[in-house]
PDB file of N, CA and C in Angstrom:
ATOM      1  N   MET A   1      80.254  14.057  61.594  1.00  0.00           N
ATOM      2  CA  MET A   1      79.582  13.259  60.815  1.00  0.00           C
ATOM      3  C   MET A   1      79.647  13.620  59.204  1.00  0.00           C
ATOM      4  N   LYS A   2      79.836  14.772  58.816  1.00  0.00           N
ATOM      5  CA  LYS A   2      79.833  15.170  57.649  1.00  0.00           C
ATOM      6  C   LYS A   2      81.248  14.744  57.088  1.00  0.00           C
ATOM      7  N   ARG A   3      82.116  14.875  57.765  1.00  0.00           N
ATOM      8  CA  ARG A   3      83.903  14.349  57.399  1.00  0.00           C
ATOM      9  C   ARG A   3      83.901  12.932  57.490  1.00  0.00           C
ATOM     10  N   ILE A   4      83.077  12.140  58.555  1.00  0.00           N
ATOM     11  CA  ILE A   4      83.367  10.633  58.167  1.00  0.00           C
ATOM     12  C   ILE A   4      82.385  10.116  56.693  1.00  0.00           C
ATOM     13  N   SER A   5      81.267  10.575  56.493  1.00  0.00           N
ATOM     14  CA  SER A   5      80.663  10.293  55.076  1.00  0.00           C
ATOM     15  C   SER A   5      81.513  10.845  54.177  1.00  0.00           C
ATOM     16  N   ALA A   6      82.279  11.846  54.041  1.00  0.00           N
ATOM     17  CA  ALA A   6      83.210  12.433  53.016  1.00  0.00           C
ATOM     18  C   ALA A   6      84.246  11.643  53.007  1.00  0.00           C
ATOM     19  N   CYS A   7      84.742  10.918  53.861  1.00  0.00           N
ATOM     20  CA  CYS A   7      85.941  10.059  53.918  1.00  0.00           C
ATOM     21  C   CYS A   7      85.406   8.710  53.077  1.00  0.00           C
ATOM     22  N   LEU A   8      84.424   8.240  53.771  1.00  0.00           N
ATOM     23  CA  LEU A   8      83.775   6.974  52.956  1.00  0.00           C
ATOM     24  C   LEU A   8      83.636   7.024  51.735  1.00  0.00           C
ATOM     25  N   VAL A   9      83.002   8.224  51.271  1.00  0.00           N
ATOM     26  CA  VAL A   9      82.739   8.524  50.001  1.00  0.00           C
ATOM     27  C   VAL A   9      83.729   8.440  49.100  1.00  0.00           C
ATOM     28  N   ILE A  10      85.004   9.205  49.626  1.00  0.00           N
ATOM     29  CA  ILE A  10      86.371   9.149  48.966  1.00  0.00           C
ATOM     30  C   ILE A  10      86.987   7.695  49.111  1.00  0.00           C
ATOM     31  N   LEU A  11      86.940   7.036  49.869  1.00  0.00           N
ATOM     32  CA  LEU A  11      87.492   5.606  49.978  1.00  0.00           C
ATOM     33  C   LEU A  11      86.609   4.872  49.042  1.00  0.00           C
ATOM     34  N   PHE A  12      85.361   4.945  48.954  1.00  0.00           N
ATOM     35  CA  PHE A  12      84.701   4.293  47.952  1.00  0.00           C
ATOM     36  C   PHE A  12      84.894   4.286  46.679  1.00  0.00           C
ATOM     37  N   ALA A  13      85.152   5.525  46.387  1.00  0.00           N
ATOM     38  CA  ALA A  13      85.747   6.030  44.737  1.00  0.00           C
ATOM     39  C   ALA A  13      87.104   5.471  44.599  1.00  0.00           C
ATOM     40  N   LEU A  14      88.323   5.611  45.687  1.00  0.00           N
ATOM     41  CA  LEU A  14      89.335   5.060  45.331  1.00  0.00           C
ATOM     42  C   LEU A  14      89.212   3.666  45.157  1.00  0.00           C
ATOM     43  N   LEU A  15      88.349   3.052  45.749  1.00  0.00           N
ATOM     44  CA  LEU A  15      88.150   1.613  45.608  1.00  0.00           C
ATOM     45  C   LEU A  15      87.584   0.967  44.297  1.00  0.00           C
ATOM     46  N   GLN A  16      86.711   1.921  43.967  1.00  0.00           N
ATOM     47  CA  GLN A  16      86.043   1.344  42.636  1.00  0.00           C
ATOM     48  C   GLN A  16      87.053   2.095  41.474  1.00  0.00           C
ATOM     49  N   TYR A  17      87.734   2.854  41.500  1.00  0.00           N
ATOM     50  CA  TYR A  17      88.888   3.160  40.385  1.00  0.00           C
ATOM     51  C   TYR A  17      89.669   1.991  40.433  1.00  0.00           C
ATOM     52  N   ARG A  18      90.218   1.498  41.508  1.00  0.00           N
ATOM     53  CA  ARG A  18      91.073   0.333  41.699  1.00  0.00           C
ATOM     54  C   ARG A  18      90.384  -0.548  40.807  1.00  0.00           C
ATOM     55  N   LEU A  19      89.212  -0.916  41.380  1.00  0.00           N
ATOM     56  CA  LEU A  19      88.370  -2.321  40.824  1.00  0.00           C
ATOM     57  C   LEU A  19      88.418  -2.212  39.252  1.00  0.00           C
ATOM     58  N   TRP A  20      87.740  -0.786  38.675  1.00  0.00           N
ATOM     59  CA  TRP A  20      87.686  -0.918  37.150  1.00  0.00           C
ATOM     60  C   TRP A  20      88.908  -0.725  36.171  1.00  0.00           C
ATOM     61  N   SER A  21      89.722   0.068  36.602  1.00  0.00           N
ATOM     62  CA  SER A  21      90.719   0.636  35.884  1.00  0.00           C
ATOM     63  C   SER A  21      92.271   0.604  36.475  1.00  0.00           C
ATOM     64  N   GLY A  22      92.220   0.211  37.762  1.00  0.00           N
ATOM     65  CA  GLY A  22      93.974   0.024  38.315  1.00  0.00           C
ATOM     66  C   GLY A  22      94.507  -1.166  38.058  1.00  0.00           C
ATOM     67  N   GLU A  23      95.557  -1.479  38.935  1.00  0.00           N
ATOM     68  CA  GLU A  23      96.268  -2.655  38.593  1.00  0.00           C
ATOM     69  C   GLU A  23      95.304  -3.945  39.243  1.00  0.00           C
ATOM     70  N   ASN A  24      95.490  -4.760  38.302  1.00  0.00           N
ATOM     71  CA  ASN A  24      94.716  -6.224  38.741  1.00  0.00           C
ATOM     72  C   ASN A  24      93.206  -6.000  38.683  1.00  0.00           C
ATOM     73  N   SER A  25      92.600  -5.031  37.665  1.00  0.00           N
ATOM     74  CA  SER A  25      91.570  -4.410  37.435  1.00  0.00           C
ATOM     75  C   SER A  25      90.688  -5.566  36.844  1.00  0.00           C
ATOM     76  N   LEU A  26      89.423  -5.374  36.618  1.00  0.00           N
ATOM     77  CA  LEU A  26      88.170  -6.406  36.043  1.00  0.00           C
ATOM     78  C   LEU A  26      88.665  -6.493  34.792  1.00  0.00           C
ATOM     79  N   ARG A  27      88.868  -5.327  33.981  1.00  0.00           N
ATOM     80  CA  ARG A  27      89.185  -5.384  32.565  1.00  0.00           C
ATOM     81  C   ARG A  27      90.638  -6.294  32.115  1.00  0.00           C
ATOM     82  N   GLU A  28      91.348  -6.241  33.064  1.00  0.00           N
ATOM     83  CA  GLU A  28      92.735  -6.992  33.007  1.00  0.00           C
ATOM     84  C   GLU A  28      92.461  -8.587  33.088  1.00  0.00           C
ATOM     85  N   TYR A  29      91.452  -8.726  34.473  1.00  0.00           N
ATOM     86  CA  TYR A  29      91.320 -10.364  34.648  1.00  0.00           C
ATOM     87  C   TYR A  29      90.366 -10.802  33.461  1.00  0.00           C
ATOM     88  N   PHE A  30      89.326  -9.926  32.657  1.00  0.00           N
ATOM     89  CA  PHE A  30      88.517 -10.571  31.762  1.00  0.00           C
ATOM     90  C   PHE A  30      89.308 -10.805  30.449  1.00  0.00           C
ATOM     91  N   GLY A  31      90.615  -9.956  30.457  1.00  0.00           N
ATOM     92  CA  GLY A  31      91.340 -10.289  29.306  1.00  0.00           C
ATOM     93  C   GLY A  31      92.394 -11.358  29.545  1.00  0.00           C
ATOM     94  N   LEU A  32      92.596 -11.758  30.838  1.00  0.00           N
ATOM     95  CA  LEU A  32      93.456 -12.704  31.154  1.00  0.00           C
ATOM     96  C   LEU A  32      92.768 -14.050  30.745  1.00  0.00           C
ATOM     97  N   GLN A  33      91.279 -14.018  31.010  1.00  0.00           N
ATOM     98  CA  GLN A  33      90.331 -14.942  30.933  1.00  0.00           C
ATOM     99  C   GLN A  33      90.297 -15.669  29.582  1.00  0.00           C
ATOM    100  N   LYS A  34      90.331 -14.558  28.460  1.00  0.00           N
ATOM    101  CA  LYS A  34      90.391 -15.030  27.164  1.00  0.00           C
ATOM    102  C   LYS A  34      91.453 -15.375  26.778  1.00  0.00           C
ATOM    103  N   GLN A  35      92.523 -14.933  27.123  1.00  0.00           N
ATOM    104  CA  GLN A  35      94.005 -15.499  26.784  1.00  0.00           C
ATOM    105  C   GLN A  35      94.075 -17.053  27.396  1.00  0.00           C
ATOM    106  N   ILE A  36      93.532 -17.338  28.449  1.00  0.00           N
ATOM    107  CA  ILE A  36      93.635 -18.823  28.974  1.00  0.00           C
ATOM    108  C   ILE A  36      92.894 -19.449  28.075  1.00  0.00           C
ATOM    109  N   GLN A  37      91.535 -19.210  27.834  1.00  0.00           N
ATOM    110  CA  GLN A  37      90.695 -19.991  26.847  1.00  0.00           C
ATOM    111  C   GLN A  37      91.201 -20.263  25.670  1.00  0.00           C
ATOM    112  N   ALA A  38      91.906 -19.402  24.908  1.00  0.00           N
ATOM    113  CA  ALA A  38      92.675 -19.233  23.483  1.00  0.00           C
ATOM    114  C   ALA A  38      93.648 -20.270  23.830  1.00  0.00           C
ATOM    115  N   GLN A  39      94.595 -20.268  24.928  1.00  0.00           N
ATOM    116  CA  GLN A  39      95.820 -21.284  25.139  1.00  0.00           C
ATOM    117  C   GLN A  39      94.967 -22.581  25.498  1.00  0.00           C
ATOM    118  N   LYS A  40      94.187 -22.806  26.065  1.00  0.00           N
ATOM    119  CA  LYS A  40      93.882 -24.183  26.170  1.00  0.00           C
ATOM    120  C   LYS A  40      93.179 -24.652  24.884  1.00  0.00           C
ATOM    121  N   LEU A  41      92.648 -23.994  24.103  1.00  0.00           N
ATOM    122  CA  LEU A  41      92.203 -24.477  22.817  1.00  0.00           C
ATOM    123  C   LEU A  41      93.345 -24.912  21.943  1.00  0.00           C
ATOM    124  N   SER A  42      94.337 -24.044  21.793  1.00  0.00           N
ATOM    125  CA  SER A  42      95.729 -24.160  21.330  1.00  0.00           C
ATOM    126  C   SER A  42      96.596 -25.632  21.837  1.00  0.00           C
ATOM    127  N   ASN A  43      96.101 -25.945  22.975  1.00  0.00           N
ATOM    128  CA  ASN A  43      96.977 -26.788  23.821  1.00  0.00           C
ATOM    129  C   ASN A  43      96.284 -28.074  23.429  1.00  0.00           C
ATOM    130  N   GLU A  44      94.897 -28.179  23.359  1.00  0.00           N
ATOM    131  CA  GLU A  44      94.036 -29.172  22.962  1.00  0.00           C
ATOM    132  C   GLU A  44      94.411 -29.590  21.597  1.00  0.00           C
ATOM    133  N   LYS A  45      94.488 -28.583  20.463  1.00  0.00           N
ATOM    134  CA  LYS A  45      94.931 -28.868  19.153  1.00  0.00           C
ATOM    135  C   LYS A  45      96.362 -29.792  19.093  1.00  0.00           C
ATOM    136  N   LEU A  46      97.390 -29.248  19.770  1.00  0.00           N
ATOM    137  CA  LEU A  46      98.673 -29.821  19.976  1.00  0.00           C
ATOM    138  C   LEU A  46      98.908 -31.284  20.692  1.00  0.00           C
ATOM    139  N   ILE A  47      97.673 -31.441  21.792  1.00  0.00           N
ATOM    140  CA  ILE A  47      97.759 -32.698  22.498  1.00  0.00           C
ATOM    141  C   ILE A  47      97.408 -33.666  21.235  1.00  0.00           C
ATOM    142  N   ALA A  48      96.286 -33.333  20.715  1.00  0.00           N
ATOM    143  CA  ALA A  48      95.668 -34.069  19.289  1.00  0.00           C
ATOM    144  C   ALA A  48      96.966 -34.642  18.391  1.00  0.00           C
ATOM    145  N   ARG A  49      97.784 -33.632  17.932  1.00  0.00           N
ATOM    146  CA  ARG A  49      98.850 -33.899  17.092  1.00  0.00           C
ATOM    147  C   ARG A  49      99.771 -34.838  17.728  1.00  0.00           C
ATOM    148  N   ASN A  50     100.229 -34.513  18.831  1.00  0.00           N
ATOM    149  CA  ASN A  50     101.207 -35.107  19.632  1.00  0.00           C
ATOM    150  C   ASN A  50     100.632 -36.820  19.443  1.00  0.00           C
ATOM    151  N   GLN A  51      99.604 -36.947  19.719  1.00  0.00           N
ATOM    152  CA  GLN A  51      98.943 -38.405  19.995  1.00  0.00           C
ATOM    153  C   GLN A  51      99.088 -38.708  18.458  1.00  0.00           C
ATOM    154  N   ILE A  52      98.631 -38.470  17.526  1.00  0.00           N
ATOM    155  CA  ILE A  52      98.889 -38.937  16.057  1.00  0.00           C
ATOM    156  C   ILE A  52     100.102 -39.182  15.901  1.00  0.00           C
ATOM    157  N   LEU A  53     101.370 -38.459  16.229  1.00  0.00           N
ATOM    158  CA  LEU A  53     102.616 -38.753  16.024  1.00  0.00           C
ATOM    159  C   LEU A  53     103.023 -39.854  16.916  1.00  0.00           C
ATOM    160  N   LYS A  54     102.557 -39.928  17.982  1.00  0.00           N
ATOM    161  CA  LYS A  54     102.967 -40.988  18.970  1.00  0.00           C
ATOM    162  C   LYS A  54     102.170 -42.248  18.737  1.00  0.00           C
ATOM    163  N   GLU A  55     101.325 -42.480  17.916  1.00  0.00           N
ATOM    164  CA  GLU A  55     100.660 -43.565  17.142  1.00  0.00           C
ATOM    165  C   GLU A  55     101.537 -43.820  16.067  1.00  0.00           C
ATOM    166  N   GLU A  56     101.917 -42.960  15.320  1.00  0.00           N
ATOM    167  CA  GLU A  56     102.827 -43.330  14.086  1.00  0.00           C
ATOM    168  C   GLU A  56     104.286 -43.732  14.352  1.00  0.00           C
ATOM    169  N   ILE A  57     104.707 -42.995  15.344  1.00  0.00           N
ATOM    170  CA  ILE A  57     105.922 -43.640  15.949  1.00  0.00           C
ATOM    171  C   ILE A  57     105.844 -45.007  16.466  1.00  0.00           C
ATOM    172  N   ALA A  58     104.684 -45.358  17.061  1.00  0.00           N
ATOM    173  CA  ALA A  58     104.707 -46.605  17.544  1.00  0.00           C
ATOM    174  C   ALA A  58     104.278 -47.760  16.682  1.00  0.00           C
ATOM    175  N   ASP A  59     103.633 -47.350  15.147  1.00  0.00           N
ATOM    176  CA  ASP A  59     103.452 -48.185  14.004  1.00  0.00           C
ATOM    177  C   ASP A  59     104.519 -48.399  13.332  1.00  0.00           C
ATOM    178  N   LEU A  60     105.500 -47.122  13.173  1.00  0.00           N
ATOM    179  CA  LEU A  60     106.860 -47.173  12.669  1.00  0.00           C
ATOM    180  C   LEU A  60     107.832 -48.239  13.268  1.00  0.00           C
ATOM    181  N   LYS A  61     107.542 -48.264  14.759  1.00  0.00           N
ATOM    182  CA  LYS A  61     108.638 -49.247  15.467  1.00  0.00           C
ATOM    183  C   LYS A  61     107.929 -50.628  15.302  1.00  0.00           C
ATOM    184  N   GLY A  62     106.851 -50.743  15.377  1.00  0.00           N
ATOM    185  CA  GLY A  62     106.161 -52.134  15.502  1.00  0.00           C
ATOM    186  C   GLY A  62     106.155 -53.168  14.373  1.00  0.00           C
ATOM    187  N   GLY A  63     105.966 -52.369  13.165  1.00  0.00           N
ATOM    188  CA  GLY A  63     105.847 -53.410  12.162  1.00  0.00           C
ATOM    189  C   GLY A  63     106.328 -52.814  10.745  1.00  0.00           C
ATOM    190  N   THR A  64     106.407 -53.431   9.565  1.00  0.00           N
ATOM    191  CA  THR A  64     107.053 -52.933   8.459  1.00  0.00           C
ATOM    192  C   THR A  64     105.697 -52.432   7.386  1.00  0.00           C
ATOM    193  N   GLU A  65     104.516 -52.603   8.155  1.00  0.00           N
ATOM    194  CA  GLU A  65     103.399 -51.865   7.134  1.00  0.00           C
ATOM    195  C   GLU A  65     103.745 -50.562   6.584  1.00  0.00           C
ATOM    196  N   ALA A  66     103.978 -49.864   8.019  1.00  0.00           N
ATOM    197  CA  ALA A  66     103.643 -48.198   7.933  1.00  0.00           C
ATOM    198  C   ALA A  66     105.059 -47.851   7.077  1.00  0.00           C
ATOM    199  N   LEU A  67     106.118 -48.554   7.328  1.00  0.00           N
ATOM    200  CA  LEU A  67     107.469 -48.347   6.317  1.00  0.00           C
ATOM    201  C   LEU A  67     107.289 -48.463   5.173  1.00  0.00           C
ATOM    202  N   GLU A  68     106.540 -49.920   4.668  1.00  0.00           N
ATOM    203  CA  GLU A  68     106.432 -50.061   3.360  1.00  0.00           C
ATOM    204  C   GLU A  68     105.265 -48.839   2.883  1.00  0.00           C
ATOM    205  N   GLU A  69     104.335 -48.421   3.245  1.00  0.00           N
ATOM    206  CA  GLU A  69     103.383 -47.540   2.730  1.00  0.00           C
ATOM    207  C   GLU A  69     104.007 -45.959   2.664  1.00  0.00           C
ATOM    208  N   ARG A  70     105.024 -45.915   3.710  1.00  0.00           N
ATOM    209  CA  ARG A  70     105.631 -44.553   3.585  1.00  0.00           C
ATOM    210  C   ARG A  70     106.729 -44.625   2.122  1.00  0.00           C
ATOM    211  N   ALA A  71     107.459 -45.748   2.096  1.00  0.00           N
ATOM    212  CA  ALA A  71     108.260 -45.766   0.845  1.00  0.00           C
ATOM    213  C   ALA A  71     107.293 -45.752  -0.413  1.00  0.00           C
ATOM    214  N   ARG A  72     106.492 -46.522  -0.564  1.00  0.00           N
ATOM    215  CA  ARG A  72     105.460 -46.268  -1.630  1.00  0.00           C
ATOM    216  C   ARG A  72     105.043 -44.930  -1.821  1.00  0.00           C
ATOM    217  N   ASN A  73     104.401 -44.308  -1.064  1.00  0.00           N
ATOM    218  CA  ASN A  73     103.890 -42.806  -1.203  1.00  0.00           C
ATOM    219  C   ASN A  73     104.734 -41.919  -1.264  1.00  0.00           C
ATOM    220  N   GLU A  74     105.807 -41.911  -0.388  1.00  0.00           N
ATOM    221  CA  GLU A  74     106.958 -40.745  -0.741  1.00  0.00           C
ATOM    222  C   GLU A  74     108.093 -40.884  -1.524  1.00  0.00           C
ATOM    223  N   LEU A  75     108.385 -42.239  -1.673  1.00  0.00           N
ATOM    224  CA  LEU A  75     109.657 -42.303  -2.565  1.00  0.00           C
ATOM    225  C   LEU A  75     109.345 -43.182  -3.715  1.00  0.00           C
ATOM    226  N   GLY A  76     108.220 -43.663  -3.847  1.00  0.00           N
ATOM    227  CA  GLY A  76     107.442 -44.160  -5.051  1.00  0.00           C
ATOM    228  C   GLY A  76     108.037 -45.565  -5.261  1.00  0.00           C
ATOM    229  N   LEU A  77     108.451 -46.299  -4.401  1.00  0.00           N
ATOM    230  CA  LEU A  77     108.953 -47.672  -4.459  1.00  0.00           C
ATOM    231  C   LEU A  77     108.008 -48.738  -4.933  1.00  0.00           C
ATOM    232  N   VAL A  78     108.415 -49.519  -5.559  1.00  0.00           N
ATOM    233  CA  VAL A  78     107.316 -50.930  -6.152  1.00  0.00           C
ATOM    234  C   VAL A  78     108.051 -51.913  -5.369  1.00  0.00           C
ATOM    235  N   LYS A  79     107.379 -53.128  -5.210  1.00  0.00           N
ATOM    236  CA  LYS A  79     107.483 -54.058  -4.864  1.00  0.00           C
ATOM    237  C   LYS A  79     108.094 -55.062  -5.960  1.00  0.00           C
ATOM    238  N   GLU A  80     108.770 -56.273  -6.120  1.00  0.00           N
ATOM    239  CA  GLU A  80     109.591 -56.856  -7.250  1.00  0.00           C
ATOM    240  C   GLU A  80     108.127 -57.575  -7.541  1.00  0.00           C
ATOM    241  N   GLY A  81     107.543 -57.814  -9.104  1.00  0.00           N
ATOM    242  CA  GLY A  81     106.428 -58.191  -9.429  1.00  0.00           C
ATOM    243  C   GLY A  81     105.089 -57.579  -9.729  1.00  0.00           C
ATOM    244  N   GLU A  82     105.422 -56.268  -8.937  1.00  0.00           N
ATOM    245  CA  GLU A  82     104.082 -55.103  -9.194  1.00  0.00           C
ATOM    246  C   GLU A  82     104.395 -54.531 -10.165  1.00  0.00           C
ATOM    247  N   THR A  83     103.169 -53.994 -10.861  1.00  0.00           N
ATOM    248  CA  THR A  83     103.050 -53.137 -11.936  1.00  0.00           C
ATOM    249  C   THR A  83     102.287 -51.746 -11.512  1.00  0.00           C
ATOM    250  N   PHE A  84     103.477 -50.756 -11.765  1.00  0.00           N
ATOM    251  CA  PHE A  84     102.968 -49.293 -11.236  1.00  0.00           C
ATOM    252  C   PHE A  84     102.355 -48.566 -12.505  1.00  0.00           C
ATOM    253  N   TYR A  85     101.250 -48.034 -11.844  1.00  0.00           N
ATOM    254  CA  TYR A  85     100.395 -46.997 -12.754  1.00  0.00           C
ATOM    255  C   TYR A  85     100.399 -45.636 -12.225  1.00  0.00           C
ATOM    256  N   ARG A  86     100.765 -44.834 -13.140  1.00  0.00           N
ATOM    257  CA  ARG A  86     100.791 -43.334 -12.692  1.00  0.00           C
ATOM    258  C   ARG A  86      99.876 -42.757 -13.412  1.00  0.00           C
ATOM    259  N   VAL A  87      98.809 -41.952 -12.718  1.00  0.00           N
ATOM    260  CA  VAL A  87      97.697 -41.386 -13.398  1.00  0.00           C
ATOM    261  C   VAL A  87      98.093 -39.878 -13.109  1.00  0.00           C
ATOM    262  N   VAL A  88      97.936 -38.993 -14.498  1.00  0.00           N
ATOM    263  CA  VAL A  88      98.627 -37.818 -14.480  1.00  0.00           C
ATOM    264  C   VAL A  88      97.157 -36.954 -14.934  1.00  0.00           C
ATOM    265  N   THR A  89      96.773 -36.219 -14.007  1.00  0.00           N
ATOM    266  CA  THR A  89      95.265 -35.096 -14.789  1.00  0.00           C
ATOM    267  C   THR A  89      95.985 -33.645 -14.765  1.00  0.00           C
ATOM    268  N   GLY A  90      95.152 -32.800 -15.253  1.00  0.00           N
ATOM    269  CA  GLY A  90      95.378 -31.387 -15.471  1.00  0.00           C
ATOM    270  C   GLY A  90      95.833 -31.047 -16.879  1.00  0.00           C
ATOM    271  N   LYS A  91      96.219 -29.818 -17.198  1.00  0.00           N
ATOM    272  CA  LYS A  91      97.034 -29.368 -18.213  1.00  0.00           C
ATOM    273  C   LYS A  91      98.308 -29.952 -18.699  1.00  0.00           C
ATOM    274  N   LYS A  92      98.339 -30.355 -19.961  1.00  0.00           N
ATOM    275  CA  LYS A  92      99.551 -30.838 -20.401  1.00  0.00           C
ATOM    276  C   LYS A  92     100.671 -29.647 -20.573  1.00  0.00           C
ATOM    277  N   GLN A  93     101.492 -29.853 -20.057  1.00  0.00           N
ATOM    278  CA  GLN A  93     102.759 -28.547 -20.214  1.00  0.00           C
ATOM    279  C   GLN A  93     103.526 -29.152 -21.121  1.00  0.00           C
ATOM    280  N   ASN A  94     104.429 -28.076 -21.858  1.00  0.00           N
ATOM    281  CA  ASN A  94     105.442 -28.265 -22.950  1.00  0.00           C
ATOM    282  C   ASN A  94     106.460 -28.382 -21.924  1.00  0.00           C
ATOM    283  N   ARG A  95     107.459 -29.170 -21.884  1.00  0.00           N
ATOM    284  CA  ARG A  95     108.686 -29.438 -21.257  1.00  0.00           C
ATOM    285  C   ARG A  95     109.633 -28.599 -21.897  1.00  0.00           C
ATOM    286  N   PHE A  96     109.606 -28.579 -23.163  1.00  0.00           N
ATOM    287  CA  PHE A  96     110.615 -27.711 -23.995  1.00  0.00           C
ATOM    288  C   PHE A  96     110.051 -26.327 -24.669  1.00  0.00           C
ATOM    289  N   PRO A  97     109.953 -25.281 -24.149  1.00  0.00           N
ATOM    290  CA  PRO A  97     109.185 -24.359 -24.932  1.00  0.00           C
ATOM    291  C   PRO A  97     110.171 -24.035 -26.064  1.00  0.00           C
ATOM    292  N   GLU A  98     109.332 -23.657 -27.265  1.00  0.00           N
ATOM    293  CA  GLU A  98     109.925 -23.319 -28.451  1.00  0.00           C
ATOM    294  C   GLU A  98     110.584 -22.157 -28.314  1.00  0.00           C
ATOM    295  N   SER A  99     112.135 -22.051 -28.908  1.00  0.00           N
ATOM    296  CA  SER A  99     112.886 -20.932 -29.026  1.00  0.00           C
ATOM    297  C   SER A  99     112.478 -20.059 -30.106  1.00  0.00           C
ATOM    298  N   GLN A 100     112.791 -18.502 -29.456  1.00  0.00           N
ATOM    299  CA  GLN A 100     112.287 -17.815 -30.545  1.00  0.00           C
ATOM    300  C   GLN A 100     113.393 -17.158 -31.274  1.00  0.00           C
TER     301      GLN A 100
END
């Protein structure tokens, strides 16, 4: 009876070792769960960004308003008959520093 009890205790100890620190242990499992959560969060952000890009592409394909807005903002284009005012704020910098 003592041998069976000793064998069972040893077997239990080996199983506990594998559960806590062996391959596919609980520590590894919880680490993977954290990685999965981080990846899901990253995926949600990317899905939201992709949706915005899809809407922008559809807008650019569908109408001229988006093209006109981009031309105005990025290229500084002005329609014929419009007056363009540029408001500059901040410190005035001397474009041509004095030579010494």
